[in-house]
PDB file of N, CA and C in Angstrom:
ATOM      1  N   MET A   1     115.870  92.156  77.436  1.00  0.00           N
ATOM      2  CA  MET A   1     114.511  91.991  76.962  1.00  0.00           C
ATOM      3  C   MET A   1     114.451  91.920  75.445  1.00  0.00           C
ATOM      4  N   ALA A   2     115.549  91.642  74.807  1.00  0.00           N
ATOM      5  CA  ALA A   2     115.619  91.667  73.354  1.00  0.00           C
ATOM      6  C   ALA A   2     114.691  90.650  72.696  1.00  0.00           C
ATOM      7  N   SER A   3     114.431  89.518  73.321  1.00  0.00           N
ATOM      8  CA  SER A   3     113.604  88.498  72.687  1.00  0.00           C
ATOM      9  C   SER A   3     112.105  88.763  72.846  1.00  0.00           C
ATOM     10  N   LEU A   4     111.740  89.741  73.624  1.00  0.00           N
ATOM     11  CA  LEU A   4     110.329  90.088  73.808  1.00  0.00           C
ATOM     12  C   LEU A   4     109.871  91.050  72.719  1.00  0.00           C
ATOM     13  N   SER A   5     108.574  91.015  72.412  1.00  0.00           N
ATOM     14  CA  SER A   5     108.020  91.984  71.469  1.00  0.00           C
ATOM     15  C   SER A   5     108.120  93.385  72.069  1.00  0.00           C
ATOM     16  N   LYS A   6     108.021  94.389  71.203  1.00  0.00           N
ATOM     17  CA  LYS A   6     108.084  95.778  71.667  1.00  0.00           C
ATOM     18  C   LYS A   6     106.972  96.059  72.679  1.00  0.00           C
ATOM     19  N   GLU A   7     105.774  95.519  72.423  1.00  0.00           N
ATOM     20  CA  GLU A   7     104.656  95.728  73.334  1.00  0.00           C
ATOM     21  C   GLU A   7     104.923  95.080  74.697  1.00  0.00           C
ATOM     22  N   ALA A   8     105.456  93.863  74.695  1.00  0.00           N
ATOM     23  CA  ALA A   8     105.777  93.187  75.965  1.00  0.00           C
ATOM     24  C   ALA A   8     106.863  93.956  76.710  1.00  0.00           C
ATOM     25  N   GLN A   9     107.861  94.450  75.997  1.00  0.00           N
ATOM     26  CA  GLN A   9     108.915  95.244  76.630  1.00  0.00           C
ATOM     27  C   GLN A   9     108.331  96.474  77.310  1.00  0.00           C
ATOM     28  N   ARG A  10     107.413  97.142  76.635  1.00  0.00           N
ATOM     29  CA  ARG A  10     106.769  98.326  77.212  1.00  0.00           C
ATOM     30  C   ARG A  10     105.973  97.969  78.466  1.00  0.00           C
ATOM     31  N   LYS A  11     105.214  96.888  78.400  1.00  0.00           N
ATOM     32  CA  LYS A  11     104.441  96.461  79.569  1.00  0.00           C
ATOM     33  C   LYS A  11     105.359  96.159  80.742  1.00  0.00           C
ATOM     34  N   TYR A  12     106.451  95.477  80.485  1.00  0.00           N
ATOM     35  CA  TYR A  12     107.385  95.137  81.552  1.00  0.00           C
ATOM     36  C   TYR A  12     108.049  96.387  82.121  1.00  0.00           C
ATOM     37  N   ARG A  13     108.365  97.358  81.256  1.00  0.00           N
ATOM     38  CA  ARG A  13     108.942  98.613  81.754  1.00  0.00           C
ATOM     39  C   ARG A  13     107.963  99.364  82.637  1.00  0.00           C
ATOM     40  N   ILE A  14     106.684  99.347  82.274  1.00  0.00           N
ATOM     41  CA  ILE A  14     105.663 100.004  83.091  1.00  0.00           C
ATOM     42  C   ILE A  14     105.542  99.316  84.450  1.00  0.00           C
ATOM     43  N   ILE A  15     105.480  97.989  84.444  1.00  0.00           N
ATOM     44  CA  ILE A  15     105.383  97.240  85.701  1.00  0.00           C
ATOM     45  C   ILE A  15     106.606  97.530  86.574  1.00  0.00           C
ATOM     46  N   ALA A  16     107.790  97.490  85.993  1.00  0.00           N
ATOM     47  CA  ALA A  16     109.020  97.749  86.752  1.00  0.00           C
ATOM     48  C   ALA A  16     109.039  99.172  87.303  1.00  0.00           C
ATOM     49  N   ALA A  17     108.562 100.136  86.524  1.00  0.00           N
ATOM     50  CA  ALA A  17     108.535 101.528  86.987  1.00  0.00           C
ATOM     51  C   ALA A  17     107.616 101.687  88.196  1.00  0.00           C
ATOM     52  N   ILE A  18     106.501 100.981  88.196  1.00  0.00           N
ATOM     53  CA  ILE A  18     105.592 101.045  89.338  1.00  0.00           C
ATOM     54  C   ILE A  18     106.206 100.321  90.537  1.00  0.00           C
ATOM     55  N   ALA A  19     106.780  99.157  90.303  1.00  0.00           N
ATOM     56  CA  ALA A  19     107.327  98.344  91.396  1.00  0.00           C
ATOM     57  C   ALA A  19     108.567  98.968  92.033  1.00  0.00           C
ATOM     58  N   ASN A  20     109.363  99.671  91.247  1.00  0.00           N
ATOM     59  CA  ASN A  20     110.638 100.201  91.739  1.00  0.00           C
ATOM     60  C   ASN A  20     110.575 101.644  92.209  1.00  0.00           C
ATOM     61  N   ASN A  21     109.427 102.249  92.157  1.00  0.00           N
ATOM     62  CA  ASN A  21     109.304 103.647  92.535  1.00  0.00           C
ATOM     63  C   ASN A  21     108.289 103.749  93.664  1.00  0.00           C
ATOM     64  N   ASN A  22     108.607 104.505  94.655  1.00  0.00           N
ATOM     65  CA  ASN A  22     107.695 104.693  95.774  1.00  0.00           C
ATOM     66  C   ASN A  22     106.598 105.682  95.369  1.00  0.00           C
ATOM     67  N   SER A  23     105.409 105.183  95.166  1.00  0.00           N
ATOM     68  CA  SER A  23     104.243 106.010  94.840  1.00  0.00           C
ATOM     69  C   SER A  23     104.395 106.807  93.547  1.00  0.00           C
ATOM     70  N   PRO A  24     104.618 106.130  92.404  1.00  0.00           N
ATOM     71  CA  PRO A  24     104.814 106.874  91.160  1.00  0.00           C
ATOM     72  C   PRO A  24     103.495 107.413  90.580  1.00  0.00           C
ATOM     73  N   SER A  25     103.532 108.648  90.153  1.00  0.00           N
ATOM     74  CA  SER A  25     102.401 109.221  89.415  1.00  0.00           C
ATOM     75  C   SER A  25     102.495 108.741  87.975  1.00  0.00           C
ATOM     76  N   ILE A  26     101.459 109.010  87.202  1.00  0.00           N
ATOM     77  CA  ILE A  26     101.479 108.628  85.789  1.00  0.00           C
ATOM     78  C   ILE A  26     102.637 109.335  85.076  1.00  0.00           C
ATOM     79  N   GLN A  27     102.915 110.576  85.471  1.00  0.00           N
ATOM     80  CA  GLN A  27     104.020 111.314  84.847  1.00  0.00           C
ATOM     81  C   GLN A  27     105.367 110.731  85.256  1.00  0.00           C
ATOM     82  N   ASP A  28     105.498 110.271  86.510  1.00  0.00           N
ATOM     83  CA  ASP A  28     106.729 109.598  86.943  1.00  0.00           C
ATOM     84  C   ASP A  28     106.989 108.356  86.080  1.00  0.00           C
ATOM     85  N   ILE A  29     105.934 107.587  85.841  1.00  0.00           N
ATOM     86  CA  ILE A  29     106.055 106.375  85.032  1.00  0.00           C
ATOM     87  C   ILE A  29     106.460 106.733  83.607  1.00  0.00           C
ATOM     88  N   ALA A  30     105.820 107.766  83.055  1.00  0.00           N
ATOM     89  CA  ALA A  30     106.143 108.214  81.692  1.00  0.00           C
ATOM     90  C   ALA A  30     107.597 108.680  81.595  1.00  0.00           C
ATOM     91  N   ASN A  31     108.045 109.438  82.583  1.00  0.00           N
ATOM     92  CA  ASN A  31     109.425 109.925  82.578  1.00  0.00           C
ATOM     93  C   ASN A  31     110.419 108.777  82.671  1.00  0.00           C
ATOM     94  N   ARG A  32     110.126 107.815  83.513  1.00  0.00           N
ATOM     95  CA  ARG A  32     111.046 106.697  83.727  1.00  0.00           C
ATOM     96  C   ARG A  32     111.093 105.754  82.518  1.00  0.00           C
ATOM     97  N   THR A  33     109.945 105.536  81.864  1.00  0.00           N
ATOM     98  CA  THR A  33     109.874 104.565  80.772  1.00  0.00           C
ATOM     99  C   THR A  33     110.012 105.183  79.388  1.00  0.00           C
ATOM    100  N   GLU A  34     109.830 106.503  79.299  1.00  0.00           N
ATOM    101  CA  GLU A  34     109.810 107.215  78.016  1.00  0.00           C
ATOM    102  C   GLU A  34     108.672 106.712  77.127  1.00  0.00           C
ATOM    103  N   ILE A  35     107.564 106.353  77.758  1.00  0.00           N
ATOM    104  CA  ILE A  35     106.348 105.922  77.067  1.00  0.00           C
ATOM    105  C   ILE A  35     105.316 107.019  77.283  1.00  0.00           C
ATOM    106  N   PRO A  36     104.586 107.444  76.235  1.00  0.00           N
ATOM    107  CA  PRO A  36     103.573 108.486  76.398  1.00  0.00           C
ATOM    108  C   PRO A  36     102.492 108.101  77.416  1.00  0.00           C
ATOM    109  N   VAL A  37     101.990 109.103  78.129  1.00  0.00           N
ATOM    110  CA  VAL A  37     100.967 108.890  79.158  1.00  0.00           C
ATOM    111  C   VAL A  37      99.753 108.162  78.584  1.00  0.00           C
ATOM    112  N   SER A  38      99.301 108.545  77.406  1.00  0.00           N
ATOM    113  CA  SER A  38      98.119 107.901  76.819  1.00  0.00           C
ATOM    114  C   SER A  38      98.365 106.409  76.580  1.00  0.00           C
ATOM    115  N   THR A  39      99.567 106.060  76.181  1.00  0.00           N
ATOM    116  CA  THR A  39      99.916 104.650  75.966  1.00  0.00           C
ATOM    117  C   THR A  39      99.980 103.908  77.297  1.00  0.00           C
ATOM    118  N   ILE A  40     100.531 104.544  78.307  1.00  0.00           N
ATOM    119  CA  ILE A  40     100.600 103.925  79.639  1.00  0.00           C
ATOM    120  C   ILE A  40      99.197 103.622  80.144  1.00  0.00           C
ATOM    121  N   LYS A  41      98.298 104.580  80.019  1.00  0.00           N
ATOM    122  CA  LYS A  41      96.919 104.377  80.485  1.00  0.00           C
ATOM    123  C   LYS A  41      96.277 103.191  79.774  1.00  0.00           C
ATOM    124  N   ARG A  42      96.458 103.102  78.477  1.00  0.00           N
ATOM    125  CA  ARG A  42      95.897 101.992  77.705  1.00  0.00           C
ATOM    126  C   ARG A  42      96.537 100.670  78.120  1.00  0.00           C
ATOM    127  N   MET A  43      97.833 100.677  78.264  1.00  0.00           N
ATOM    128  CA  MET A  43      98.552  99.443  78.595  1.00  0.00           C
ATOM    129  C   MET A  43      98.285  98.972  80.024  1.00  0.00           C
ATOM    130  N   LEU A  44      97.988  99.876  80.944  1.00  0.00           N
ATOM    131  CA  LEU A  44      97.662  99.456  82.308  1.00  0.00           C
ATOM    132  C   LEU A  44      96.445  98.536  82.313  1.00  0.00           C
ATOM    133  N   GLY A  45      95.453  98.854  81.504  1.00  0.00           N
ATOM    134  CA  GLY A  45      94.284  97.977  81.388  1.00  0.00           C
ATOM    135  C   GLY A  45      94.663  96.622  80.822  1.00  0.00           C
ATOM    136  N   GLN A  46      95.533  96.623  79.830  1.00  0.00           N
ATOM    137  CA  GLN A  46      95.985  95.361  79.231  1.00  0.00           C
ATOM    138  C   GLN A  46      96.811  94.547  80.232  1.00  0.00           C
ATOM    139  N   ILE A  47      97.675  95.213  80.983  1.00  0.00           N
ATOM    140  CA  ILE A  47      98.500  94.530  81.981  1.00  0.00           C
ATOM    141  C   ILE A  47      97.612  93.872  83.033  1.00  0.00           C
ATOM    142  N   ARG A  48      96.620  94.611  83.490  1.00  0.00           N
ATOM    143  CA  ARG A  48      95.698  94.058  84.491  1.00  0.00           C
ATOM    144  C   ARG A  48      95.019  92.799  83.966  1.00  0.00           C
ATOM    145  N   ALA A  49      94.576  92.841  82.723  1.00  0.00           N
ATOM    146  CA  ALA A  49      93.866  91.705  82.127  1.00  0.00           C
ATOM    147  C   ALA A  49      94.814  90.560  81.767  1.00  0.00           C
ATOM    148  N   ASP A  50      95.932  90.877  81.130  1.00  0.00           N
ATOM    149  CA  ASP A  50      96.861  89.847  80.651  1.00  0.00           C
ATOM    150  C   ASP A  50      97.525  89.072  81.783  1.00  0.00           C
ATOM    151  N   PHE A  51      97.876  89.775  82.855  1.00  0.00           N
ATOM    152  CA  PHE A  51      98.641  89.161  83.935  1.00  0.00           C
ATOM    153  C   PHE A  51      97.826  88.978  85.214  1.00  0.00           C
ATOM    154  N   ASP A  52      96.540  89.321  85.165  1.00  0.00           N
ATOM    155  CA  ASP A  52      95.658  89.218  86.332  1.00  0.00           C
ATOM    156  C   ASP A  52      96.225  89.992  87.518  1.00  0.00           C
ATOM    157  N   MET A  53      96.827  91.139  87.219  1.00  0.00           N
ATOM    158  CA  MET A  53      97.442  91.963  88.261  1.00  0.00           C
ATOM    159  C   MET A  53      96.423  92.952  88.814  1.00  0.00           C
ATOM    160  N   ASN A  54      96.622  93.337  90.059  1.00  0.00           N
ATOM    161  CA  ASN A  54      95.824  94.386  90.664  1.00  0.00           C
ATOM    162  C   ASN A  54      96.741  95.590  90.834  1.00  0.00           C
ATOM    163  N   ILE A  55      96.604  96.537  89.925  1.00  0.00           N
ATOM    164  CA  ILE A  55      97.364  97.780  89.984  1.00  0.00           C
ATOM    165  C   ILE A  55      96.358  98.872  90.301  1.00  0.00           C
ATOM    166  N   ARG A  56      96.512  99.463  91.448  1.00  0.00           N
ATOM    167  CA  ARG A  56      95.540 100.452  91.918  1.00  0.00           C
ATOM    168  C   ARG A  56      96.052 101.869  91.734  1.00  0.00           C
ATOM    169  N   PHE A  57      95.109 102.741  91.405  1.00  0.00           N
ATOM    170  CA  PHE A  57      95.383 104.170  91.403  1.00  0.00           C
ATOM    171  C   PHE A  57      94.888 104.696  92.735  1.00  0.00           C
ATOM    172  N   ILE A  58      95.767 105.293  93.505  1.00  0.00           N
ATOM    173  CA  ILE A  58      95.421 105.858  94.805  1.00  0.00           C
ATOM    174  C   ILE A  58      95.345 107.366  94.621  1.00  0.00           C
ATOM    175  N   ALA A  59      94.130 107.903  94.718  1.00  0.00           N
ATOM    176  CA  ALA A  59      93.912 109.329  94.485  1.00  0.00           C
ATOM    177  C   ALA A  59      94.477 110.160  95.626  1.00  0.00           C
ATOM    178  N   ASP A  60      95.015 111.311  95.264  1.00  0.00           N
ATOM    179  CA  ASP A  60      95.523 112.274  96.230  1.00  0.00           C
ATOM    180  C   ASP A  60      94.330 113.052  96.768  1.00  0.00           C
ATOM    181  N   THR A  61      93.952 112.773  97.986  1.00  0.00           N
ATOM    182  CA  THR A  61      92.759 113.414  98.555  1.00  0.00           C
ATOM    183  C   THR A  61      93.011 114.865  98.939  1.00  0.00           C
ATOM    184  N   ASP A  62      94.275 115.285  99.011  1.00  0.00           N
ATOM    185  CA  ASP A  62      94.584 116.673  99.352  1.00  0.00           C
ATOM    186  C   ASP A  62      94.381 117.607  98.165  1.00  0.00           C
ATOM    187  N   ASN A  63      94.414 117.054  96.954  1.00  0.00           N
ATOM    188  CA  ASN A  63      94.291 117.870  95.752  1.00  0.00           C
ATOM    189  C   ASN A  63      92.885 117.718  95.194  1.00  0.00           C
ATOM    190  N   MET A  64      92.094 118.721  95.331  1.00  0.00           N
ATOM    191  CA  MET A  64      90.717 118.672  94.834  1.00  0.00           C
ATOM    192  C   MET A  64      90.629 119.123  93.376  1.00  0.00           C
ATOM    193  N   ARG A  65      91.708 119.645  92.832  1.00  0.00           N
ATOM    194  CA  ARG A  65      91.726 120.092  91.439  1.00  0.00           C
ATOM    195  C   ARG A  65      92.352 119.013  90.578  1.00  0.00           C
ATOM    196  N   GLY A  66      91.554 118.372  89.785  1.00  0.00           N
ATOM    197  CA  GLY A  66      92.077 117.334  88.903  1.00  0.00           C
ATOM    198  C   GLY A  66      92.237 116.013  89.635  1.00  0.00           C
ATOM    199  N   ARG A  67      92.599 115.019  88.869  1.00  0.00           N
ATOM    200  CA  ARG A  67      92.758 113.671  89.423  1.00  0.00           C
ATOM    201  C   ARG A  67      94.244 113.349  89.501  1.00  0.00           C
ATOM    202  N   THR A  68      94.815 113.576  90.663  1.00  0.00           N
ATOM    203  CA  THR A  68      96.217 113.267  90.870  1.00  0.00           C
ATOM    204  C   THR A  68      96.326 112.129  91.868  1.00  0.00           C
ATOM    205  N   GLY A  69      97.447 111.454  91.836  1.00  0.00           N
ATOM    206  CA  GLY A  69      97.661 110.349  92.751  1.00  0.00           C
ATOM    207  C   GLY A  69      98.806 109.494  92.263  1.00  0.00           C
ATOM    208  N   PHE A  70      98.832 108.252  92.737  1.00  0.00           N
ATOM    209  CA  PHE A  70      99.927 107.365  92.399  1.00  0.00           C
ATOM    210  C   PHE A  70      99.419 105.950  92.171  1.00  0.00           C
ATOM    211  N   TYR A  71     100.295 105.125  91.631  1.00  0.00           N
ATOM    212  CA  TYR A  71      99.964 103.734  91.320  1.00  0.00           C
ATOM    213  C   TYR A  71     100.695 102.795  92.271  1.00  0.00           C
ATOM    214  N   HIS A  72     100.023 101.690  92.575  1.00  0.00           N
ATOM    215  CA  HIS A  72     100.581 100.711  93.503  1.00  0.00           C
ATOM    216  C   HIS A  72     100.121  99.311  93.081  1.00  0.00           C
ATOM    217  N   ILE A  73     101.040  98.362  93.062  1.00  0.00           N
ATOM    218  CA  ILE A  73     100.702  96.974  92.738  1.00  0.00           C
ATOM    219  C   ILE A  73     100.323  96.278  94.034  1.00  0.00           C
ATOM    220  N   THR A  74      99.074  95.833  94.121  1.00  0.00           N
ATOM    221  CA  THR A  74      98.630  95.147  95.337  1.00  0.00           C
ATOM    222  C   THR A  74      98.585  93.632  95.161  1.00  0.00           C
ATOM    223  N   HIS A  75      98.567  93.165  93.917  1.00  0.00           N
ATOM    224  CA  HIS A  75      98.578  91.731  93.637  1.00  0.00           C
ATOM    225  C   HIS A  75      99.273  91.520  92.306  1.00  0.00           C
ATOM    226  N   TRP A  76     100.243  90.609  92.267  1.00  0.00           N
ATOM    227  CA  TRP A  76     101.060  90.377  91.090  1.00  0.00           C
ATOM    228  C   TRP A  76     100.452  89.381  90.116  1.00  0.00           C
ATOM    229  N   GLY A  77      99.296  88.840  90.417  1.00  0.00           N
ATOM    230  CA  GLY A  77      98.643  87.930  89.479  1.00  0.00           C
ATOM    231  C   GLY A  77      99.505  86.734  89.152  1.00  0.00           C
ATOM    232  N   VAL A  78      99.674  86.467  87.850  1.00  0.00           N
ATOM    233  CA  VAL A  78     100.426  85.286  87.412  1.00  0.00           C
ATOM    234  C   VAL A  78     101.938  85.504  87.444  1.00  0.00           C
ATOM    235  N   LEU A  79     102.375  86.721  87.697  1.00  0.00           N
ATOM    236  CA  LEU A  79     103.810  87.000  87.742  1.00  0.00           C
ATOM    237  C   LEU A  79     104.353  86.774  89.147  1.00  0.00           C
ATOM    238  N   ASP A  80     105.543  86.228  89.215  1.00  0.00           N
ATOM    239  CA  ASP A  80     106.257  86.097  90.479  1.00  0.00           C
ATOM    240  C   ASP A  80     107.039  87.396  90.686  1.00  0.00           C
ATOM    241  N   ARG A  81     106.686  88.151  91.712  1.00  0.00           N
ATOM    242  CA  ARG A  81     107.277  89.466  91.949  1.00  0.00           C
ATOM    243  C   ARG A  81     108.804  89.402  91.994  1.00  0.00           C
ATOM    244  N   SER A  82     109.346  88.534  92.815  1.00  0.00           N
ATOM    245  CA  SER A  82     110.797  88.453  93.000  1.00  0.00           C
ATOM    246  C   SER A  82     111.511  88.121  91.696  1.00  0.00           C
ATOM    247  N   GLU A  83     111.016  87.121  90.987  1.00  0.00           N
ATOM    248  CA  GLU A  83     111.641  86.713  89.729  1.00  0.00           C
ATOM    249  C   GLU A  83     111.524  87.819  88.678  1.00  0.00           C
ATOM    250  N   PHE A  84     110.372  88.477  88.625  1.00  0.00           N
ATOM    251  CA  PHE A  84     110.186  89.567  87.671  1.00  0.00           C
ATOM    252  C   PHE A  84     111.205  90.670  87.924  1.00  0.00           C
ATOM    253  N   LEU A  85     111.352  91.072  89.176  1.00  0.00           N
ATOM    254  CA  LEU A  85     112.260  92.162  89.499  1.00  0.00           C
ATOM    255  C   LEU A  85     113.722  91.791  89.248  1.00  0.00           C
ATOM    256  N   VAL A  86     114.075  90.530  89.430  1.00  0.00           N
ATOM    257  CA  VAL A  86     115.435  90.081  89.105  1.00  0.00           C
ATOM    258  C   VAL A  86     115.676  90.206  87.602  1.00  0.00           C
ATOM    259  N   ARG A  87     114.710  89.775  86.819  1.00  0.00           N
ATOM    260  CA  ARG A  87     114.879  89.754  85.360  1.00  0.00           C
ATOM    261  C   ARG A  87     114.609  91.094  84.678  1.00  0.00           C
ATOM    262  N   HIS A  88     113.643  91.855  85.189  1.00  0.00           N
ATOM    263  CA  HIS A  88     113.183  93.037  84.466  1.00  0.00           C
ATOM    264  C   HIS A  88     113.145  94.296  85.317  1.00  0.00           C
ATOM    265  N   GLY A  89     113.585  94.200  86.543  1.00  0.00           N
ATOM    266  CA  GLY A  89     113.533  95.351  87.442  1.00  0.00           C
ATOM    267  C   GLY A  89     114.611  96.372  87.166  1.00  0.00           C
ATOM    268  N   GLU A  90     114.849  97.175  88.134  1.00  0.00           N
ATOM    269  CA  GLU A  90     115.815  98.271  88.059  1.00  0.00           C
ATOM    270  C   GLU A  90     117.165  97.810  87.517  1.00  0.00           C
ATOM    271  N   GLY A  91     117.618  98.469  86.471  1.00  0.00           N
ATOM    272  CA  GLY A  91     118.943  98.215  85.937  1.00  0.00           C
ATOM    273  C   GLY A  91     119.106  96.917  85.148  1.00  0.00           C
ATOM    274  N   SER A  92     118.007  96.268  84.779  1.00  0.00           N
ATOM    275  CA  SER A  92     118.140  94.995  84.068  1.00  0.00           C
ATOM    276  C   SER A  92     118.136  95.148  82.556  1.00  0.00           C
ATOM    277  N   GLU A  93     117.926  96.351  82.051  1.00  0.00           N
ATOM    278  CA  GLU A  93     117.872  96.543  80.600  1.00  0.00           C
ATOM    279  C   GLU A  93     119.242  96.653  80.004  1.00  0.00           C
TER     280      GLU A  93
END
């Protein structure tokens, strides 16, 4: 990913972390990408808009204290899922 801007690299790492992890929480994504939670939250909105992706937050209904849950990509928008994962998925860095 050397030819991509730092911001694009971060967005791709976030997308890959969601795609390659079964039901990742925001903290799982932060741990995997080493990107602060506040930055991830901001970038998720940008990713949704920039790539026309549908990334859903699925709330944990068992936990009534706080907003916990996980993220799931339901529509890849302008990105081809298979090609993205080959180029930027697990172990491609």
